[in-house]
Amino acid sequence: MLDALDSQRDFERMAFQQAPIAVKKTEDFEQLKAAIERVFGAAAVQKFYSRLESKGMGAREFEKIVNSGLLELVDATLARSGKTAKELWESLELSDQALMREFYLEKIEQVDPAMRHKYRKVYRYY
């Protein structure tokens, strides 16, 4: 029994852990991240997916979504901020963009399964 516990602990210590990457453009990064969090909030996510579906965009097409102005249509706070999602995105360093893309992709996977089923077209890979 103790050998099994020791083996499990060894495995957990050896499991891959991503090294933290420091964000370089903190203010723009946080503003875009907050907009994404609001878009995936209970009040806005259905509107976001409905707009994705009507425009024929996939949920995983992050850069296309950012460039389309869709985040501003769904998030009034971002729309009033004076900066578009595209401007915020383009201001980020490449490493910051990678972190933001990863954050966004994690958010779409956390959406309620019933909502994902309802808007399953936006989750398709083609």
N, C-alpha and C. Protein backbone atom coordinates (compact mmCIF):
# COMPACT_ATOMS: atom_id res chain seq x y z
N MET A 1 0.82 -1.19 0.00
CA MET A 1 0.00 0.00 0.00
C MET A 1 0.86 1.26 0.00
N LEU A 2 1.90 1.29 0.84
CA LEU A 2 2.78 2.46 0.87
C LEU A 2 3.55 2.61 -0.43
N ASP A 3 3.93 1.47 -1.06
CA ASP A 3 4.63 1.55 -2.34
C ASP A 3 3.75 2.21 -3.40
N ALA A 4 2.47 1.90 -3.40
CA ALA A 4 1.55 2.49 -4.37
C ALA A 4 1.43 4.00 -4.15
N LEU A 5 1.37 4.43 -2.87
CA LEU A 5 1.30 5.85 -2.57
C LEU A 5 2.58 6.56 -2.97
N ASP A 6 3.73 5.94 -2.70
CA ASP A 6 5.00 6.53 -3.10
C ASP A 6 5.09 6.66 -4.62
N SER A 7 4.62 5.64 -5.34
CA SER A 7 4.64 5.69 -6.80
C SER A 7 3.76 6.81 -7.33
N GLN A 8 2.60 6.99 -6.71
CA GLN A 8 1.69 8.06 -7.12
C GLN A 8 2.33 9.42 -6.87
N ARG A 9 2.97 9.59 -5.73
CA ARG A 9 3.62 10.86 -5.42
C ARG A 9 4.76 11.13 -6.40
N ASP A 10 5.53 10.10 -6.73
CA ASP A 10 6.62 10.26 -7.69
C ASP A 10 6.07 10.68 -9.05
N PHE A 11 4.98 10.07 -9.46
CA PHE A 11 4.36 10.40 -10.73
C PHE A 11 3.90 11.86 -10.73
N GLU A 12 3.26 12.28 -9.64
CA GLU A 12 2.76 13.65 -9.56
C GLU A 12 3.89 14.66 -9.60
N ARG A 13 5.02 14.33 -9.00
CA ARG A 13 6.17 15.23 -9.03
C ARG A 13 6.78 15.31 -10.42
N MET A 14 6.67 14.23 -11.19
CA MET A 14 7.29 14.18 -12.51
C MET A 14 6.34 14.69 -13.60
N ALA A 15 5.09 14.86 -13.30
CA ALA A 15 4.12 15.31 -14.30
C ALA A 15 4.53 16.67 -14.84
N PHE A 16 4.21 16.91 -16.09
CA PHE A 16 4.56 18.17 -16.74
C PHE A 16 3.88 19.35 -16.08
N GLN A 17 4.65 20.37 -15.84
CA GLN A 17 4.11 21.62 -15.34
C GLN A 17 4.68 22.74 -16.19
N GLN A 18 3.79 23.53 -16.77
CA GLN A 18 4.23 24.62 -17.62
C GLN A 18 4.89 25.69 -16.76
N ALA A 19 6.03 26.14 -17.22
CA ALA A 19 6.71 27.22 -16.52
C ALA A 19 5.92 28.51 -16.70
N PRO A 20 5.78 29.28 -15.65
CA PRO A 20 5.05 30.54 -15.81
C PRO A 20 5.81 31.50 -16.72
N ILE A 21 5.06 32.14 -17.59
CA ILE A 21 5.64 33.12 -18.51
C ILE A 21 5.15 34.49 -18.06
N ALA A 22 6.07 35.39 -17.87
CA ALA A 22 5.71 36.73 -17.42
C ALA A 22 5.03 37.50 -18.55
N VAL A 23 3.95 38.16 -18.23
CA VAL A 23 3.24 38.99 -19.20
C VAL A 23 4.00 40.31 -19.32
N LYS A 24 4.22 40.74 -20.56
CA LYS A 24 4.99 41.97 -20.80
C LYS A 24 4.10 43.21 -20.87
N LYS A 25 2.97 43.11 -21.54
CA LYS A 25 2.05 44.24 -21.68
C LYS A 25 0.86 44.00 -20.74
N THR A 26 1.09 44.15 -19.47
CA THR A 26 0.13 43.77 -18.44
C THR A 26 -1.22 44.46 -18.58
N GLU A 27 -1.23 45.76 -18.78
CA GLU A 27 -2.51 46.49 -18.81
C GLU A 27 -3.39 46.04 -19.98
N ASP A 28 -2.83 45.96 -21.18
CA ASP A 28 -3.60 45.51 -22.34
C ASP A 28 -4.01 44.05 -22.20
N PHE A 29 -3.10 43.25 -21.69
CA PHE A 29 -3.39 41.83 -21.48
C PHE A 29 -4.57 41.67 -20.54
N GLU A 30 -4.53 42.35 -19.42
CA GLU A 30 -5.60 42.24 -18.42
C GLU A 30 -6.92 42.78 -18.94
N GLN A 31 -6.88 43.83 -19.75
CA GLN A 31 -8.11 44.39 -20.31
C GLN A 31 -8.76 43.39 -21.27
N LEU A 32 -7.98 42.76 -22.13
CA LEU A 32 -8.52 41.77 -23.05
C LEU A 32 -8.98 40.52 -22.31
N LYS A 33 -8.22 40.11 -21.33
CA LYS A 33 -8.59 38.93 -20.53
C LYS A 33 -9.92 39.17 -19.80
N ALA A 34 -10.09 40.35 -19.24
CA ALA A 34 -11.33 40.68 -18.54
C ALA A 34 -12.52 40.67 -19.50
N ALA A 35 -12.30 41.16 -20.72
CA ALA A 35 -13.37 41.14 -21.72
C ALA A 35 -13.77 39.71 -22.06
N ILE A 36 -12.80 38.84 -22.20
CA ILE A 36 -13.08 37.42 -22.49
C ILE A 36 -13.83 36.79 -21.33
N GLU A 37 -13.43 37.11 -20.12
CA GLU A 37 -14.13 36.56 -18.94
C GLU A 37 -15.59 37.04 -18.93
N ARG A 38 -15.83 38.29 -19.28
CA ARG A 38 -17.21 38.80 -19.30
C ARG A 38 -18.02 38.13 -20.41
N VAL A 39 -17.39 37.92 -21.56
CA VAL A 39 -18.08 37.27 -22.68
C VAL A 39 -18.50 35.85 -22.32
N PHE A 40 -17.70 35.18 -21.51
CA PHE A 40 -18.04 33.82 -21.10
C PHE A 40 -18.82 33.77 -19.79
N GLY A 41 -19.23 34.91 -19.30
CA GLY A 41 -20.10 34.96 -18.12
C GLY A 41 -21.50 34.50 -18.49
N ALA A 42 -22.27 34.12 -17.50
CA ALA A 42 -23.61 33.58 -17.73
C ALA A 42 -24.50 34.52 -18.54
N ALA A 43 -24.34 35.82 -18.34
CA ALA A 43 -25.21 36.79 -19.01
C ALA A 43 -24.89 36.97 -20.49
N ALA A 44 -23.67 36.67 -20.92
CA ALA A 44 -23.25 37.00 -22.28
C ALA A 44 -22.93 35.82 -23.17
N VAL A 45 -22.67 34.66 -22.61
CA VAL A 45 -22.16 33.56 -23.41
C VAL A 45 -23.13 33.11 -24.50
N GLN A 46 -24.43 33.12 -24.21
CA GLN A 46 -25.39 32.72 -25.23
C GLN A 46 -25.40 33.73 -26.38
N LYS A 47 -25.34 35.00 -26.06
CA LYS A 47 -25.28 36.03 -27.09
C LYS A 47 -24.02 35.86 -27.93
N PHE A 48 -22.90 35.57 -27.28
CA PHE A 48 -21.64 35.37 -27.98
C PHE A 48 -21.74 34.20 -28.96
N TYR A 49 -22.24 33.06 -28.47
CA TYR A 49 -22.35 31.89 -29.34
C TYR A 49 -23.36 32.10 -30.46
N SER A 50 -24.43 32.81 -30.17
CA SER A 50 -25.42 33.11 -31.19
C SER A 50 -24.79 33.94 -32.31
N ARG A 51 -23.99 34.92 -31.93
CA ARG A 51 -23.30 35.76 -32.92
C ARG A 51 -22.27 34.95 -33.70
N LEU A 52 -21.54 34.09 -33.01
CA LEU A 52 -20.57 33.22 -33.70
C LEU A 52 -21.29 32.39 -34.76
N GLU A 53 -22.38 31.78 -34.35
CA GLU A 53 -23.13 30.92 -35.24
C GLU A 53 -23.67 31.70 -36.45
N SER A 54 -24.22 32.89 -36.20
CA SER A 54 -24.79 33.68 -37.30
C SER A 54 -23.71 34.15 -38.28
N LYS A 55 -22.49 34.33 -37.80
CA LYS A 55 -21.39 34.75 -38.68
C LYS A 55 -20.64 33.57 -39.28
N GLY A 56 -21.02 32.35 -38.88
CA GLY A 56 -20.36 31.16 -39.42
C GLY A 56 -18.95 30.97 -38.91
N MET A 57 -18.66 31.48 -37.73
CA MET A 57 -17.32 31.35 -37.14
C MET A 57 -17.28 30.20 -36.16
N GLY A 58 -16.13 29.57 -36.07
CA GLY A 58 -15.92 28.53 -35.09
C GLY A 58 -15.42 29.11 -33.78
N ALA A 59 -15.75 28.45 -32.70
CA ALA A 59 -15.36 28.93 -31.37
C ALA A 59 -13.85 28.96 -31.18
N ARG A 60 -13.13 28.12 -31.91
CA ARG A 60 -11.68 28.04 -31.74
C ARG A 60 -10.91 29.01 -32.64
N GLU A 61 -11.62 29.79 -33.44
CA GLU A 61 -10.98 30.74 -34.35
C GLU A 61 -10.74 32.07 -33.64
N PHE A 62 -9.90 32.03 -32.64
CA PHE A 62 -9.73 33.17 -31.75
C PHE A 62 -9.31 34.44 -32.49
N GLU A 63 -8.30 34.38 -33.30
CA GLU A 63 -7.82 35.59 -33.98
C GLU A 63 -8.89 36.15 -34.93
N LYS A 64 -9.62 35.29 -35.58
CA LYS A 64 -10.70 35.73 -36.46
C LYS A 64 -11.79 36.43 -35.64
N ILE A 65 -12.09 35.90 -34.48
CA ILE A 65 -13.09 36.49 -33.59
C ILE A 65 -12.63 37.87 -33.12
N VAL A 66 -11.37 37.95 -32.70
CA VAL A 66 -10.82 39.23 -32.24
C VAL A 66 -10.85 40.27 -33.36
N ASN A 67 -10.45 39.87 -34.54
CA ASN A 67 -10.39 40.80 -35.67
C ASN A 67 -11.76 41.22 -36.19
N SER A 68 -12.78 40.43 -35.90
CA SER A 68 -14.13 40.70 -36.43
C SER A 68 -14.89 41.78 -35.66
N GLY A 69 -14.45 42.12 -34.47
CA GLY A 69 -15.17 43.08 -33.65
C GLY A 69 -16.29 42.45 -32.84
N LEU A 70 -16.37 41.14 -32.85
CA LEU A 70 -17.44 40.43 -32.16
C LEU A 70 -17.38 40.60 -30.64
N LEU A 71 -16.19 40.65 -30.08
CA LEU A 71 -16.09 40.80 -28.62
C LEU A 71 -16.68 42.14 -28.17
N GLU A 72 -16.48 43.19 -28.96
CA GLU A 72 -17.04 44.49 -28.62
C GLU A 72 -18.58 44.48 -28.73
N LEU A 73 -19.11 43.71 -29.67
CA LEU A 73 -20.57 43.62 -29.81
C LEU A 73 -21.22 42.95 -28.61
N VAL A 74 -20.51 42.03 -28.00
CA VAL A 74 -21.06 41.27 -26.88
C VAL A 74 -20.73 41.92 -25.54
N ASP A 75 -19.59 42.57 -25.46
CA ASP A 75 -19.13 43.15 -24.19
C ASP A 75 -19.15 44.68 -24.25
N ALA A 76 -20.14 45.26 -23.63
CA ALA A 76 -20.29 46.72 -23.65
C ALA A 76 -19.13 47.43 -22.96
N THR A 77 -18.57 46.82 -21.93
CA THR A 77 -17.44 47.43 -21.23
C THR A 77 -16.26 47.60 -22.17
N LEU A 78 -15.97 46.59 -22.94
CA LEU A 78 -14.89 46.68 -23.92
C LEU A 78 -15.23 47.72 -24.98
N ALA A 79 -16.47 47.73 -25.43
CA ALA A 79 -16.89 48.69 -26.46
C ALA A 79 -16.70 50.13 -26.00
N ARG A 80 -16.92 50.38 -24.71
CA ARG A 80 -16.77 51.74 -24.15
C ARG A 80 -15.34 52.08 -23.77
N SER A 81 -14.44 51.13 -23.82
CA SER A 81 -13.09 51.32 -23.29
C SER A 81 -12.21 52.23 -24.14
N GLY A 82 -12.57 52.41 -25.39
CA GLY A 82 -11.73 53.24 -26.26
C GLY A 82 -10.72 52.43 -27.05
N LYS A 83 -10.60 51.16 -26.75
CA LYS A 83 -9.71 50.26 -27.49
C LYS A 83 -10.50 49.04 -27.93
N THR A 84 -10.25 48.61 -29.15
CA THR A 84 -10.91 47.41 -29.64
C THR A 84 -10.12 46.18 -29.21
N ALA A 85 -10.77 45.04 -29.28
CA ALA A 85 -10.08 43.79 -28.98
C ALA A 85 -8.90 43.61 -29.93
N LYS A 86 -9.10 43.98 -31.19
CA LYS A 86 -8.02 43.87 -32.19
C LYS A 86 -6.83 44.74 -31.80
N GLU A 87 -7.09 45.96 -31.37
CA GLU A 87 -5.99 46.85 -30.95
C GLU A 87 -5.26 46.29 -29.74
N LEU A 88 -6.02 45.78 -28.78
CA LEU A 88 -5.40 45.18 -27.60
C LEU A 88 -4.56 43.98 -27.99
N TRP A 89 -5.14 43.13 -28.84
CA TRP A 89 -4.45 41.91 -29.29
C TRP A 89 -3.15 42.26 -30.01
N GLU A 90 -3.22 43.21 -30.92
CA GLU A 90 -2.04 43.57 -31.71
C GLU A 90 -0.97 44.27 -30.88
N SER A 91 -1.35 44.85 -29.74
CA SER A 91 -0.37 45.51 -28.88
C SER A 91 0.45 44.51 -28.06
N LEU A 92 -0.06 43.28 -27.96
CA LEU A 92 0.60 42.28 -27.13
C LEU A 92 1.83 41.69 -27.81
N GLU A 93 2.83 41.38 -27.00
CA GLU A 93 4.00 40.65 -27.49
C GLU A 93 3.55 39.25 -27.90
N LEU A 94 4.34 38.58 -28.70
CA LEU A 94 4.01 37.24 -29.17
C LEU A 94 3.76 36.27 -28.01
N SER A 95 4.59 36.36 -26.97
CA SER A 95 4.41 35.46 -25.82
C SER A 95 3.11 35.78 -25.08
N ASP A 96 2.75 37.07 -25.01
CA ASP A 96 1.48 37.46 -24.39
C ASP A 96 0.30 36.96 -25.22
N GLN A 97 0.43 37.03 -26.54
CA GLN A 97 -0.62 36.53 -27.42
C GLN A 97 -0.82 35.03 -27.21
N ALA A 98 0.26 34.30 -27.07
CA ALA A 98 0.16 32.85 -26.84
C ALA A 98 -0.57 32.56 -25.54
N LEU A 99 -0.26 33.31 -24.50
CA LEU A 99 -0.94 33.13 -23.21
C LEU A 99 -2.43 33.48 -23.33
N MET A 100 -2.74 34.53 -24.07
CA MET A 100 -4.13 34.94 -24.23
C MET A 100 -4.90 33.89 -25.03
N ARG A 101 -4.30 33.39 -26.08
CA ARG A 101 -4.95 32.36 -26.89
C ARG A 101 -5.23 31.12 -26.04
N GLU A 102 -4.26 30.74 -25.23
CA GLU A 102 -4.43 29.59 -24.34
C GLU A 102 -5.55 29.84 -23.34
N PHE A 103 -5.61 31.04 -22.78
CA PHE A 103 -6.67 31.39 -21.83
C PHE A 103 -8.03 31.28 -22.50
N TYR A 104 -8.15 31.83 -23.70
CA TYR A 104 -9.42 31.79 -24.44
C TYR A 104 -9.83 30.34 -24.72
N LEU A 105 -8.90 29.53 -25.18
CA LEU A 105 -9.23 28.14 -25.50
C LEU A 105 -9.65 27.36 -24.25
N GLU A 106 -9.07 27.68 -23.12
CA GLU A 106 -9.50 27.06 -21.86
C GLU A 106 -10.93 27.49 -21.53
N LYS A 107 -11.26 28.76 -21.77
CA LYS A 107 -12.60 29.26 -21.47
C LYS A 107 -13.66 28.56 -22.32
N ILE A 108 -13.38 28.33 -23.61
CA ILE A 108 -14.41 27.68 -24.43
C ILE A 108 -14.62 26.23 -24.03
N GLU A 109 -13.61 25.61 -23.44
CA GLU A 109 -13.77 24.23 -22.98
C GLU A 109 -14.50 24.16 -21.65
N GLN A 110 -14.60 25.26 -20.93
CA GLN A 110 -15.29 25.29 -19.63
C GLN A 110 -16.77 25.64 -19.74
N VAL A 111 -17.23 25.92 -20.94
CA VAL A 111 -18.63 26.28 -21.15
C VAL A 111 -19.51 25.08 -20.80
N ASP A 112 -20.65 25.37 -20.21
CA ASP A 112 -21.61 24.35 -19.81
C ASP A 112 -21.91 23.40 -20.97
N PRO A 113 -21.89 22.08 -20.71
CA PRO A 113 -22.13 21.11 -21.79
C PRO A 113 -23.46 21.31 -22.53
N ALA A 114 -24.50 21.74 -21.84
CA ALA A 114 -25.78 21.98 -22.51
C ALA A 114 -25.66 23.13 -23.51
N MET A 115 -24.92 24.17 -23.14
CA MET A 115 -24.71 25.30 -24.04
C MET A 115 -23.83 24.87 -25.23
N ARG A 116 -22.84 24.06 -24.95
CA ARG A 116 -21.97 23.57 -26.03
C ARG A 116 -22.77 22.71 -27.00
N HIS A 117 -23.70 21.92 -26.46
CA HIS A 117 -24.53 21.09 -27.34
C HIS A 117 -25.45 21.96 -28.19
N LYS A 118 -26.05 22.96 -27.57
CA LYS A 118 -26.96 23.85 -28.28
C LYS A 118 -26.25 24.54 -29.45
N TYR A 119 -25.01 24.94 -29.24
CA TYR A 119 -24.23 25.64 -30.27
C TYR A 119 -23.09 24.75 -30.79
N ARG A 120 -23.40 23.49 -30.99
CA ARG A 120 -22.37 22.53 -31.39
C ARG A 120 -21.72 22.89 -32.74
N LYS A 121 -22.43 23.62 -33.58
CA LYS A 121 -21.86 24.03 -34.88
C LYS A 121 -20.60 24.86 -34.69
N VAL A 122 -20.57 25.70 -33.68
CA VAL A 122 -19.40 26.56 -33.49
C VAL A 122 -18.20 25.79 -32.92
N TYR A 123 -18.43 24.58 -32.45
CA TYR A 123 -17.34 23.76 -31.91
C TYR A 123 -16.75 22.80 -32.95
N ARG A 124 -17.34 22.76 -34.13
CA ARG A 124 -16.82 21.86 -35.17
C ARG A 124 -15.45 22.34 -35.61
N TYR A 125 -14.65 21.40 -36.10
CA TYR A 125 -13.28 21.71 -36.49
C TYR A 125 -13.13 22.11 -37.96
N TYR A 126 -14.14 21.98 -38.76
CA TYR A 126 -13.97 22.32 -40.18
C TYR A 126 -14.41 23.71 -40.50
